[in-house]
Amino acid sequence: MAYKSTTLRTALTVRNIVSIHYFDYMSNFTFPGESHDFWELLCVDKGEIDAVAGEERHTLKRGSIIFHQPNEFHNVITNGRIAPSLVVIAFECRSPAMEAFRGQILTVQDTESALLAQIIIEARRAFLGRLDDPYQEELVRNTVSPGFGAEQLIRNYLEELLIHLYRRYFANPLPVPQSLRRPLMGHPNETYNRVIRYMEEHVSEQLTIEKICKNTLISRSRLQKLFQELHGCGVMEFFTLMKIDTAKELIRSNQLNFTQVSDRLGYTSVHYFSRQFKKVTHMTPSEYASSIRLLSEKDHGREISHP
């Protein structure tokens, strides 16, 4: 056989690392802020901070990750109450895919948290000095006992982190079953349609009532009343049903395992996803997959027996 090699395509490439930090801040830490011509990501590992990005100020809690685009002024402000721990990575990446991260505040899941942890581990092997010095301006290579391949692993883990986040938030929006769009009673209005569109676009995230209200310009009481009138349930219960129905479609597509389905839908763990799935459907994801497979085989058998 005449084998032919395939050149692997690259979705994005991290060209250079500028800084890698893991900070344990005091609750009253202050930083004057800065801007520079490269990307910087900040992830809250513990506690809570306020992050300034340009002219906007955001409160970030554990698991939140913000991307500061090149030349954007940014700052970290502690609230005087909660001492935070932060991962901060500055890097150069000119891939077009990075445009999706401009102005984004996302949430990391277990896989992405593990990748951040690996970057910190390899940075301690590859470079000298402390990772908790906020004023360190240059990474100094460890030439005495560097970990083999540590720098390459840093790049690989960071690119993998970016790809994971891009897939979950920006690529291949998850289809939401049409049946959920039709209210069980009453007539939908433009406000309802706006909320539904927002939840469809963010079905892979962990939404809260507060976030839905803020981003759809509706009060909490009106939002709850709207879904009680049209669906006979609360908005968060409806959002759970939307997630589970989307999970059913993903399971039927037979392209992802249950852990991947859980990750795609923003669940913190596959075990929590399984509990939620069973609570709604009275079946585990495995039982649902088996039942659908069995029904498909029966239908296929009938078609063969009775052409």
C-alpha atoms as a PDB file:
ATOM      1  CA  MET A   1       0.000   0.000   0.000  1.00  0.00           C
ATOM      2  CA  ALA A   2       1.145   3.522  -0.784  1.00  0.00           C
ATOM      3  CA  TYR A   3       0.617   5.473   2.418  1.00  0.00           C
ATOM      4  CA  LYS A   4       0.256   9.244   2.280  1.00  0.00           C
ATOM      5  CA  SER A   5       0.909  11.524   5.199  1.00  0.00           C
ATOM      6  CA  THR A   6      -1.547  14.201   6.301  1.00  0.00           C
ATOM      7  CA  THR A   7      -0.318  17.577   7.437  1.00  0.00           C
ATOM      8  CA  LEU A   8      -2.292  18.455  10.548  1.00  0.00           C
ATOM      9  CA  ARG A   9      -4.067  21.781  10.392  1.00  0.00           C
ATOM     10  CA  THR A  10      -3.604  24.289  13.201  1.00  0.00           C
ATOM     11  CA  ALA A  11      -6.590  26.191  14.586  1.00  0.00           C
ATOM     12  CA  LEU A  12      -4.524  28.665  16.584  1.00  0.00           C
ATOM     13  CA  THR A  13      -0.904  29.053  17.594  1.00  0.00           C
ATOM     14  CA  VAL A  14       0.579  30.649  20.689  1.00  0.00           C
ATOM     15  CA  ARG A  15       3.769  32.282  19.410  1.00  0.00           C
ATOM     16  CA  ASN A  16       5.336  33.483  22.648  1.00  0.00           C
ATOM     17  CA  ILE A  17       4.756  33.446  26.386  1.00  0.00           C
ATOM     18  CA  VAL A  18       5.263  36.787  28.119  1.00  0.00           C
ATOM     19  CA  SER A  19       4.427  35.923  31.725  1.00  0.00           C
ATOM     20  CA  ILE A  20       2.893  33.191  33.854  1.00  0.00           C
ATOM     21  CA  HIS A  21       1.742  33.983  37.368  1.00  0.00           C
ATOM     22  CA  TYR A  22      -0.111  32.345  40.210  1.00  0.00           C
ATOM     23  CA  PHE A  23      -0.965  34.964  42.830  1.00  0.00           C
ATOM     24  CA  ASP A  24      -2.274  34.628  46.363  1.00  0.00           C
ATOM     25  CA  TYR A  25      -3.394  38.197  46.985  1.00  0.00           C
ATOM     26  CA  MET A  26      -4.154  39.866  50.296  1.00  0.00           C
ATOM     27  CA  SER A  27      -7.745  41.037  50.534  1.00  0.00           C
ATOM     28  CA  ASN A  28      -6.574  44.684  50.322  1.00  0.00           C
ATOM     29  CA  PHE A  29      -4.062  44.320  47.466  1.00  0.00           C
ATOM     30  CA  THR A  30      -3.987  47.152  44.924  1.00  0.00           C
ATOM     31  CA  PHE A  31      -2.448  47.258  41.444  1.00  0.00           C
ATOM     32  CA  PRO A  32      -2.150  50.426  39.335  1.00  0.00           C
ATOM     33  CA  GLY A  33      -3.239  48.744  36.103  1.00  0.00           C
ATOM     34  CA  GLU A  34      -1.539  48.470  32.726  1.00  0.00           C
ATOM     35  CA  SER A  35      -1.951  47.933  29.007  1.00  0.00           C
ATOM     36  CA  HIS A  36       0.304  46.095  26.555  1.00  0.00           C
ATOM     37  CA  ASP A  37       0.323  44.780  22.990  1.00  0.00           C
ATOM     38  CA  PHE A  38      -0.355  41.113  23.787  1.00  0.00           C
ATOM     39  CA  TRP A  39      -3.189  39.003  25.180  1.00  0.00           C
ATOM     40  CA  GLU A  40      -3.659  38.353  28.861  1.00  0.00           C
ATOM     41  CA  LEU A  41      -6.030  35.919  30.544  1.00  0.00           C
ATOM     42  CA  LEU A  42      -6.957  36.039  34.202  1.00  0.00           C
ATOM     43  CA  CYS A  43      -8.721  33.186  35.965  1.00  0.00           C
ATOM     44  CA  VAL A  44     -10.007  33.297  39.544  1.00  0.00           C
ATOM     45  CA  ASP A  45      -8.907  30.089  41.271  1.00  0.00           C
ATOM     46  CA  LYS A  46     -10.245  31.082  44.692  1.00  0.00           C
ATOM     47  CA  GLY A  47     -12.103  34.021  46.172  1.00  0.00           C
ATOM     48  CA  GLU A  48     -13.409  37.047  44.319  1.00  0.00           C
ATOM     49  CA  ILE A  49     -12.061  40.167  42.603  1.00  0.00           C
ATOM     50  CA  ASP A  50     -13.173  43.082  40.487  1.00  0.00           C
ATOM     51  CA  ALA A  51     -11.510  43.216  37.079  1.00  0.00           C
ATOM     52  CA  VAL A  52     -11.312  46.462  35.133  1.00  0.00           C
ATOM     53  CA  ALA A  53     -11.297  46.057  31.346  1.00  0.00           C
ATOM     54  CA  GLY A  54     -11.172  49.349  29.502  1.00  0.00           C
ATOM     55  CA  GLU A  55     -13.978  51.432  30.966  1.00  0.00           C
ATOM     56  CA  GLU A  56     -15.917  48.486  32.395  1.00  0.00           C
ATOM     57  CA  ARG A  57     -15.624  46.856  35.803  1.00  0.00           C
ATOM     58  CA  HIS A  58     -16.644  43.236  36.394  1.00  0.00           C
ATOM     59  CA  THR A  59     -16.943  41.159  39.542  1.00  0.00           C
ATOM     60  CA  LEU A  60     -15.326  37.756  38.997  1.00  0.00           C
ATOM     61  CA  LYS A  61     -15.757  34.750  41.256  1.00  0.00           C
ATOM     62  CA  ARG A  62     -14.126  31.339  41.381  1.00  0.00           C
ATOM     63  CA  GLY A  63     -13.943  29.723  37.950  1.00  0.00           C
ATOM     64  CA  SER A  64     -14.386  32.973  36.014  1.00  0.00           C
ATOM     65  CA  ILE A  65     -11.857  33.732  33.297  1.00  0.00           C
ATOM     66  CA  ILE A  66     -11.513  37.078  31.523  1.00  0.00           C
ATOM     67  CA  PHE A  67      -9.516  37.843  28.376  1.00  0.00           C
ATOM     68  CA  HIS A  68      -7.850  41.232  28.012  1.00  0.00           C
ATOM     69  CA  GLN A  69      -7.204  42.025  24.367  1.00  0.00           C
ATOM     70  CA  PRO A  70      -3.990  43.718  23.210  1.00  0.00           C
ATOM     71  CA  ASN A  71      -3.680  47.402  24.179  1.00  0.00           C
ATOM     72  CA  GLU A  72      -6.688  47.259  26.526  1.00  0.00           C
ATOM     73  CA  PHE A  73      -6.157  48.932  29.901  1.00  0.00           C
ATOM     74  CA  HIS A  74      -6.886  46.454  32.691  1.00  0.00           C
ATOM     75  CA  ASN A  75      -6.606  46.240  36.426  1.00  0.00           C
ATOM     76  CA  VAL A  76      -7.297  43.943  39.375  1.00  0.00           C
ATOM     77  CA  ILE A  77      -9.113  45.277  42.419  1.00  0.00           C
ATOM     78  CA  THR A  78      -9.605  43.246  45.591  1.00  0.00           C
ATOM     79  CA  ASN A  79     -12.723  43.954  47.633  1.00  0.00           C
ATOM     80  CA  GLY A  80     -11.127  44.130  51.067  1.00  0.00           C
ATOM     81  CA  ARG A  81     -13.089  41.104  52.270  1.00  0.00           C
ATOM     82  CA  ILE A  82     -12.086  38.015  50.300  1.00  0.00           C
ATOM     83  CA  ALA A  83      -8.427  37.157  49.630  1.00  0.00           C
ATOM     84  CA  PRO A  84      -8.268  35.790  46.068  1.00  0.00           C
ATOM     85  CA  SER A  85      -5.937  33.410  44.227  1.00  0.00           C
ATOM     86  CA  LEU A  86      -5.450  34.127  40.534  1.00  0.00           C
ATOM     87  CA  VAL A  87      -3.849  32.567  37.476  1.00  0.00           C
ATOM     88  CA  VAL A  88      -2.579  35.208  35.043  1.00  0.00           C
ATOM     89  CA  ILE A  89      -1.006  34.306  31.704  1.00  0.00           C
ATOM     90  CA  ALA A  90       0.184  36.820  29.120  1.00  0.00           C
ATOM     91  CA  PHE A  91       0.913  35.537  25.613  1.00  0.00           C
ATOM     92  CA  GLU A  92       1.202  36.443  21.944  1.00  0.00           C
ATOM     93  CA  CYS A  93      -1.267  34.864  19.547  1.00  0.00           C
ATOM     94  CA  ARG A  94      -2.203  36.354  16.191  1.00  0.00           C
ATOM     95  CA  SER A  95      -4.573  33.613  15.066  1.00  0.00           C
ATOM     96  CA  PRO A  96      -7.933  34.927  13.763  1.00  0.00           C
ATOM     97  CA  ALA A  97      -9.780  32.665  16.219  1.00  0.00           C
ATOM     98  CA  MET A  98      -8.635  34.901  19.090  1.00  0.00           C
ATOM     99  CA  GLU A  99     -11.049  37.585  17.900  1.00  0.00           C
ATOM    100  CA  ALA A 100     -13.836  35.572  19.536  1.00  0.00           C
ATOM    101  CA  PHE A 101     -12.265  36.122  22.960  1.00  0.00           C
ATOM    102  CA  ARG A 102     -12.332  39.931  22.802  1.00  0.00           C
ATOM    103  CA  GLY A 103     -14.244  41.299  25.787  1.00  0.00           C
ATOM    104  CA  GLN A 104     -15.250  37.828  26.950  1.00  0.00           C
ATOM    105  CA  ILE A 105     -15.810  36.625  30.506  1.00  0.00           C
ATOM    106  CA  LEU A 106     -16.199  32.851  30.507  1.00  0.00           C
ATOM    107  CA  THR A 107     -16.326  30.031  33.056  1.00  0.00           C
ATOM    108  CA  VAL A 108     -13.763  27.230  33.204  1.00  0.00           C
ATOM    109  CA  GLN A 109     -14.755  23.626  33.817  1.00  0.00           C
ATOM    110  CA  ASP A 110     -12.774  20.760  35.336  1.00  0.00           C
ATOM    111  CA  THR A 111     -10.840  19.978  32.145  1.00  0.00           C
ATOM    112  CA  GLU A 112      -9.851  23.603  31.642  1.00  0.00           C
ATOM    113  CA  SER A 113      -8.923  24.073  35.311  1.00  0.00           C
ATOM    114  CA  ALA A 114      -6.650  21.033  35.002  1.00  0.00           C
ATOM    115  CA  LEU A 115      -4.958  22.561  31.943  1.00  0.00           C
ATOM    116  CA  LEU A 116      -4.304  25.791  33.844  1.00  0.00           C
ATOM    117  CA  ALA A 117      -2.826  23.768  36.703  1.00  0.00           C
ATOM    118  CA  GLN A 118      -0.521  21.934  34.278  1.00  0.00           C
ATOM    119  CA  ILE A 119       0.680  25.237  32.836  1.00  0.00           C
ATOM    120  CA  ILE A 120       1.638  26.408  36.341  1.00  0.00           C
ATOM    121  CA  ILE A 121       3.403  23.097  37.067  1.00  0.00           C
ATOM    122  CA  GLU A 122       5.441  23.228  33.855  1.00  0.00           C
ATOM    123  CA  ALA A 123       6.247  26.924  34.369  1.00  0.00           C
ATOM    124  CA  ARG A 124       7.859  26.066  37.696  1.00  0.00           C
ATOM    125  CA  ARG A 125      10.021  23.521  35.879  1.00  0.00           C
ATOM    126  CA  ALA A 126      10.899  25.718  32.912  1.00  0.00           C
ATOM    127  CA  PHE A 127      11.610  29.054  34.566  1.00  0.00           C
ATOM    128  CA  LEU A 128      13.421  30.451  37.581  1.00  0.00           C
ATOM    129  CA  GLY A 129      12.003  32.918  40.067  1.00  0.00           C
ATOM    130  CA  ARG A 130       8.678  33.191  41.820  1.00  0.00           C
ATOM    131  CA  LEU A 131       5.376  32.953  39.992  1.00  0.00           C
ATOM    132  CA  ASP A 132       3.726  35.217  42.566  1.00  0.00           C
ATOM    133  CA  ASP A 133       5.675  38.387  41.758  1.00  0.00           C
ATOM    134  CA  PRO A 134       3.211  40.723  39.956  1.00  0.00           C
ATOM    135  CA  TYR A 135       6.042  43.002  38.846  1.00  0.00           C
ATOM    136  CA  GLN A 136       8.169  40.342  37.141  1.00  0.00           C
ATOM    137  CA  GLU A 137       8.645  41.470  33.532  1.00  0.00           C
ATOM    138  CA  GLU A 138      10.704  38.621  32.082  1.00  0.00           C
ATOM    139  CA  LEU A 139      10.679  34.848  32.382  1.00  0.00           C
ATOM    140  CA  VAL A 140      14.168  33.536  33.109  1.00  0.00           C
ATOM    141  CA  ARG A 141      14.863  30.061  31.745  1.00  0.00           C
ATOM    142  CA  ASN A 142      15.966  27.336  34.135  1.00  0.00           C
ATOM    143  CA  THR A 143      19.236  26.193  32.538  1.00  0.00           C
ATOM    144  CA  VAL A 144      20.342  24.031  35.473  1.00  0.00           C
ATOM    145  CA  SER A 145      17.545  21.484  35.779  1.00  0.00           C
ATOM    146  CA  PRO A 146      14.839  22.282  33.248  1.00  0.00           C
ATOM    147  CA  GLY A 147      12.036  19.796  32.828  1.00  0.00           C
ATOM    148  CA  PHE A 148      12.324  18.023  29.484  1.00  0.00           C
ATOM    149  CA  GLY A 149       9.817  19.554  27.069  1.00  0.00           C
ATOM    150  CA  ALA A 150       8.379  21.874  29.744  1.00  0.00           C
ATOM    151  CA  GLU A 151       8.214  24.941  27.482  1.00  0.00           C
ATOM    152  CA  GLN A 152       6.565  22.960  24.695  1.00  0.00           C
ATOM    153  CA  LEU A 153       4.017  21.568  27.127  1.00  0.00           C
ATOM    154  CA  ILE A 154       3.187  25.090  28.302  1.00  0.00           C
ATOM    155  CA  ARG A 155       2.391  26.072  24.727  1.00  0.00           C
ATOM    156  CA  ASN A 156       0.463  22.860  24.095  1.00  0.00           C
ATOM    157  CA  TYR A 157      -1.616  23.161  27.276  1.00  0.00           C
ATOM    158  CA  LEU A 158      -2.394  26.826  26.608  1.00  0.00           C
ATOM    159  CA  GLU A 159      -3.447  26.133  23.029  1.00  0.00           C
ATOM    160  CA  GLU A 160      -5.573  23.215  24.251  1.00  0.00           C
ATOM    161  CA  LEU A 161      -7.201  25.474  26.853  1.00  0.00           C
ATOM    162  CA  LEU A 162      -8.064  28.058  24.197  1.00  0.00           C
ATOM    163  CA  ILE A 163      -9.447  25.379  21.868  1.00  0.00           C
ATOM    164  CA  HIS A 164     -11.608  23.883  24.637  1.00  0.00           C
ATOM    165  CA  LEU A 165     -13.078  27.296  25.466  1.00  0.00           C
ATOM    166  CA  TYR A 166     -13.575  28.207  21.813  1.00  0.00           C
ATOM    167  CA  ARG A 167     -15.396  24.960  21.099  1.00  0.00           C
ATOM    168  CA  ARG A 168     -17.676  25.317  24.096  1.00  0.00           C
ATOM    169  CA  TYR A 169     -18.577  28.970  23.659  1.00  0.00           C
ATOM    170  CA  PHE A 170     -18.124  29.945  20.031  1.00  0.00           C
ATOM    171  CA  ALA A 171     -18.110  26.888  17.730  1.00  0.00           C
ATOM    172  CA  ASN A 172     -21.032  24.722  16.666  1.00  0.00           C
ATOM    173  CA  PRO A 173     -23.878  26.251  18.698  1.00  0.00           C
ATOM    174  CA  LEU A 174     -25.903  23.483  20.289  1.00  0.00           C
ATOM    175  CA  PRO A 175     -29.315  22.908  18.695  1.00  0.00           C
ATOM    176  CA  VAL A 176     -32.249  23.462  21.010  1.00  0.00           C
ATOM    177  CA  PRO A 177     -35.289  21.238  20.333  1.00  0.00           C
ATOM    178  CA  GLN A 178     -38.103  23.113  18.619  1.00  0.00           C
ATOM    179  CA  SER A 179     -40.722  21.684  20.993  1.00  0.00           C
ATOM    180  CA  LEU A 180     -39.454  23.801  23.880  1.00  0.00           C
ATOM    181  CA  ARG A 181     -39.997  27.002  21.941  1.00  0.00           C
ATOM    182  CA  ARG A 182     -43.766  26.511  21.911  1.00  0.00           C
ATOM    183  CA  PRO A 183     -45.442  27.580  25.152  1.00  0.00           C
ATOM    184  CA  LEU A 184     -47.856  25.107  26.700  1.00  0.00           C
ATOM    185  CA  MET A 185     -50.377  27.859  27.301  1.00  0.00           C
ATOM    186  CA  GLY A 186     -50.861  31.511  26.448  1.00  0.00           C
ATOM    187  CA  HIS A 187     -49.208  33.472  23.668  1.00  0.00           C
ATOM    188  CA  PRO A 188     -45.519  34.416  23.503  1.00  0.00           C
ATOM    189  CA  ASN A 189     -44.462  38.035  23.067  1.00  0.00           C
ATOM    190  CA  GLU A 190     -41.238  39.718  21.987  1.00  0.00           C
ATOM    191  CA  THR A 191     -39.862  39.711  25.535  1.00  0.00           C
ATOM    192  CA  TYR A 192     -40.419  35.957  25.801  1.00  0.00           C
ATOM    193  CA  ASN A 193     -38.815  35.386  22.409  1.00  0.00           C
ATOM    194  CA  ARG A 194     -35.810  37.490  23.438  1.00  0.00           C
ATOM    195  CA  VAL A 195     -35.316  35.432  26.617  1.00  0.00           C
ATOM    196  CA  ILE A 196     -35.672  32.156  24.702  1.00  0.00           C
ATOM    197  CA  ARG A 197     -33.105  33.255  22.124  1.00  0.00           C
ATOM    198  CA  TYR A 198     -30.694  34.231  24.882  1.00  0.00           C
ATOM    199  CA  MET A 199     -31.040  30.879  26.650  1.00  0.00           C
ATOM    200  CA  GLU A 200     -30.628  29.017  23.369  1.00  0.00           C
ATOM    201  CA  GLU A 201     -27.412  30.896  22.650  1.00  0.00           C
ATOM    202  CA  HIS A 202     -26.102  30.164  26.166  1.00  0.00           C
ATOM    203  CA  VAL A 203     -27.412  26.641  26.711  1.00  0.00           C
ATOM    204  CA  SER A 204     -23.822  25.457  27.205  1.00  0.00           C
ATOM    205  CA  GLU A 205     -23.308  27.778  30.185  1.00  0.00           C
ATOM    206  CA  GLN A 206     -24.320  27.898  33.836  1.00  0.00           C
ATOM    207  CA  LEU A 207     -26.858  30.711  33.738  1.00  0.00           C
ATOM    208  CA  THR A 208     -28.468  32.377  36.740  1.00  0.00           C
ATOM    209  CA  ILE A 209     -31.716  34.319  36.975  1.00  0.00           C
ATOM    210  CA  GLU A 210     -29.694  37.459  37.614  1.00  0.00           C
ATOM    211  CA  LYS A 211     -27.632  36.957  34.470  1.00  0.00           C
ATOM    212  CA  ILE A 212     -30.698  36.255  32.333  1.00  0.00           C
ATOM    213  CA  CYS A 213     -32.453  39.375  33.665  1.00  0.00           C
ATOM    214  CA  LYS A 214     -29.406  41.579  33.114  1.00  0.00           C
ATOM    215  CA  ASN A 215     -28.795  40.431  29.535  1.00  0.00           C
ATOM    216  CA  THR A 216     -32.425  40.375  28.386  1.00  0.00           C
ATOM    217  CA  LEU A 217     -33.514  43.606  30.088  1.00  0.00           C
ATOM    218  CA  ILE A 218     -36.308  42.141  32.178  1.00  0.00           C
ATOM    219  CA  SER A 219     -37.022  42.243  35.898  1.00  0.00           C
ATOM    220  CA  ARG A 220     -36.802  39.073  37.989  1.00  0.00           C
ATOM    221  CA  SER A 221     -40.476  39.145  38.987  1.00  0.00           C
ATOM    222  CA  ARG A 222     -41.651  39.710  35.408  1.00  0.00           C
ATOM    223  CA  LEU A 223     -39.402  36.931  34.118  1.00  0.00           C
ATOM    224  CA  GLN A 224     -40.726  34.413  36.636  1.00  0.00           C
ATOM    225  CA  LYS A 225     -44.329  35.443  35.989  1.00  0.00           C
ATOM    226  CA  LEU A 226     -43.824  35.127  32.229  1.00  0.00           C
ATOM    227  CA  PHE A 227     -42.636  31.512  32.423  1.00  0.00           C
ATOM    228  CA  GLN A 228     -45.235  30.550  34.999  1.00  0.00           C
ATOM    229  CA  GLU A 229     -47.954  31.867  32.700  1.00  0.00           C
ATOM    230  CA  LEU A 230     -46.604  30.304  29.505  1.00  0.00           C
ATOM    231  CA  HIS A 231     -45.031  27.059  30.770  1.00  0.00           C
ATOM    232  CA  GLY A 232     -46.265  26.540  34.293  1.00  0.00           C
ATOM    233  CA  CYS A 233     -42.726  26.450  35.718  1.00  0.00           C
ATOM    234  CA  GLY A 234     -39.894  28.744  36.752  1.00  0.00           C
ATOM    235  CA  VAL A 235     -37.366  30.037  34.253  1.00  0.00           C
ATOM    236  CA  MET A 236     -34.473  28.043  35.746  1.00  0.00           C
ATOM    237  CA  GLU A 237     -36.546  24.850  35.681  1.00  0.00           C
ATOM    238  CA  PHE A 238     -37.277  25.591  32.026  1.00  0.00           C
ATOM    239  CA  PHE A 239     -33.561  26.167  31.340  1.00  0.00           C
ATOM    240  CA  THR A 240     -32.784  22.770  32.912  1.00  0.00           C
ATOM    241  CA  LEU A 241     -35.367  21.148  30.617  1.00  0.00           C
ATOM    242  CA  MET A 242     -33.726  22.936  27.681  1.00  0.00           C
ATOM    243  CA  LYS A 243     -30.324  21.545  28.666  1.00  0.00           C
ATOM    244  CA  ILE A 244     -31.623  18.001  29.098  1.00  0.00           C
ATOM    245  CA  ASP A 245     -33.489  18.047  25.784  1.00  0.00           C
ATOM    246  CA  THR A 246     -30.304  19.263  24.114  1.00  0.00           C
ATOM    247  CA  ALA A 247     -28.410  16.459  25.885  1.00  0.00           C
ATOM    248  CA  LYS A 248     -30.859  13.944  24.411  1.00  0.00           C
ATOM    249  CA  GLU A 249     -30.085  15.190  20.918  1.00  0.00           C
ATOM    250  CA  LEU A 250     -26.357  14.986  21.549  1.00  0.00           C
ATOM    251  CA  ILE A 251     -26.708  11.432  22.881  1.00  0.00           C
ATOM    252  CA  ARG A 252     -28.780  10.406  19.865  1.00  0.00           C
ATOM    253  CA  SER A 253     -26.147  11.840  17.541  1.00  0.00           C
ATOM    254  CA  ASN A 254     -23.806   9.144  18.934  1.00  0.00           C
ATOM    255  CA  GLN A 255     -20.737  11.358  18.444  1.00  0.00           C
ATOM    256  CA  LEU A 256     -19.924  12.260  22.056  1.00  0.00           C
ATOM    257  CA  ASN A 257     -19.565  10.227  25.225  1.00  0.00           C
ATOM    258  CA  PHE A 258     -21.447  11.256  28.364  1.00  0.00           C
ATOM    259  CA  THR A 259     -18.502  13.192  29.807  1.00  0.00           C
ATOM    260  CA  GLN A 260     -18.214  15.191  26.586  1.00  0.00           C
ATOM    261  CA  VAL A 261     -21.970  15.841  26.554  1.00  0.00           C
ATOM    262  CA  SER A 262     -21.705  17.049  30.145  1.00  0.00           C
ATOM    263  CA  ASP A 263     -18.816  19.367  29.239  1.00  0.00           C
ATOM    264  CA  ARG A 264     -20.604  20.742  26.179  1.00  0.00           C
ATOM    265  CA  LEU A 265     -23.596  21.695  28.318  1.00  0.00           C
ATOM    266  CA  GLY A 266     -21.617  23.396  31.046  1.00  0.00           C
ATOM    267  CA  TYR A 267     -22.156  20.905  33.873  1.00  0.00           C
ATOM    268  CA  THR A 268     -19.524  20.895  36.609  1.00  0.00           C
ATOM    269  CA  SER A 269     -19.179  17.107  36.456  1.00  0.00           C
ATOM    270  CA  VAL A 270     -20.592  14.122  34.595  1.00  0.00           C
ATOM    271  CA  HIS A 271     -22.026  12.823  37.879  1.00  0.00           C
ATOM    272  CA  TYR A 272     -24.081  15.982  38.416  1.00  0.00           C
ATOM    273  CA  PHE A 273     -25.195  15.855  34.778  1.00  0.00           C
ATOM    274  CA  SER A 274     -26.334  12.241  35.229  1.00  0.00           C
ATOM    275  CA  ARG A 275     -28.326  13.137  38.344  1.00  0.00           C
ATOM    276  CA  GLN A 276     -30.035  16.032  36.567  1.00  0.00           C
ATOM    277  CA  PHE A 277     -30.736  13.884  33.516  1.00  0.00           C
ATOM    278  CA  LYS A 278     -32.344  11.160  35.628  1.00  0.00           C
ATOM    279  CA  LYS A 279     -34.353  13.691  37.634  1.00  0.00           C
ATOM    280  CA  VAL A 280     -35.931  15.003  34.431  1.00  0.00           C
ATOM    281  CA  THR A 281     -36.228  11.830  32.329  1.00  0.00           C
ATOM    282  CA  HIS A 282     -36.380   9.143  35.074  1.00  0.00           C
ATOM    283  CA  MET A 283     -33.527   7.411  33.242  1.00  0.00           C
ATOM    284  CA  THR A 284     -29.770   7.654  33.426  1.00  0.00           C
ATOM    285  CA  PRO A 285     -28.003   8.800  30.232  1.00  0.00           C
ATOM    286  CA  SER A 286     -26.889   5.173  29.707  1.00  0.00           C
ATOM    287  CA  GLU A 287     -30.441   3.872  30.062  1.00  0.00           C
ATOM    288  CA  TYR A 288     -31.711   6.549  27.668  1.00  0.00           C
ATOM    289  CA  ALA A 289     -29.058   5.700  25.075  1.00  0.00           C
ATOM    290  CA  SER A 290     -29.845   1.994  25.372  1.00  0.00           C
ATOM    291  CA  SER A 291     -33.592   2.566  25.053  1.00  0.00           C
ATOM    292  CA  ILE A 292     -33.179   4.737  21.959  1.00  0.00           C
ATOM    293  CA  ARG A 293     -30.821   2.190  20.441  1.00  0.00           C
ATOM    294  CA  LEU A 294     -33.310  -0.599  21.141  1.00  0.00           C
ATOM    295  CA  LEU A 295     -36.168   1.349  19.574  1.00  0.00           C
ATOM    296  CA  SER A 296     -34.041   2.061  16.519  1.00  0.00           C
ATOM    297  CA  GLU A 297     -33.207  -1.625  16.146  1.00  0.00           C
ATOM    298  CA  LYS A 298     -36.883  -2.556  16.441  1.00  0.00           C
ATOM    299  CA  ASP A 299     -37.853   0.014  13.826  1.00  0.00           C
ATOM    300  CA  HIS A 300     -35.074  -1.227  11.570  1.00  0.00           C
ATOM    301  CA  GLY A 301     -36.276  -4.795  12.055  1.00  0.00           C
ATOM    302  CA  ARG A 302     -39.843  -3.888  11.125  1.00  0.00           C
ATOM    303  CA  GLU A 303     -38.637  -2.177   7.998  1.00  0.00           C
ATOM    304  CA  ILE A 304     -36.736  -5.309   6.968  1.00  0.00           C
ATOM    305  CA  SER A 305     -39.643  -7.643   7.735  1.00  0.00           C
ATOM    306  CA  HIS A 306     -42.222  -5.505   6.011  1.00  0.00           C
ATOM    307  CA  PRO A 307     -40.649  -3.725   3.065  1.00  0.00           C
END
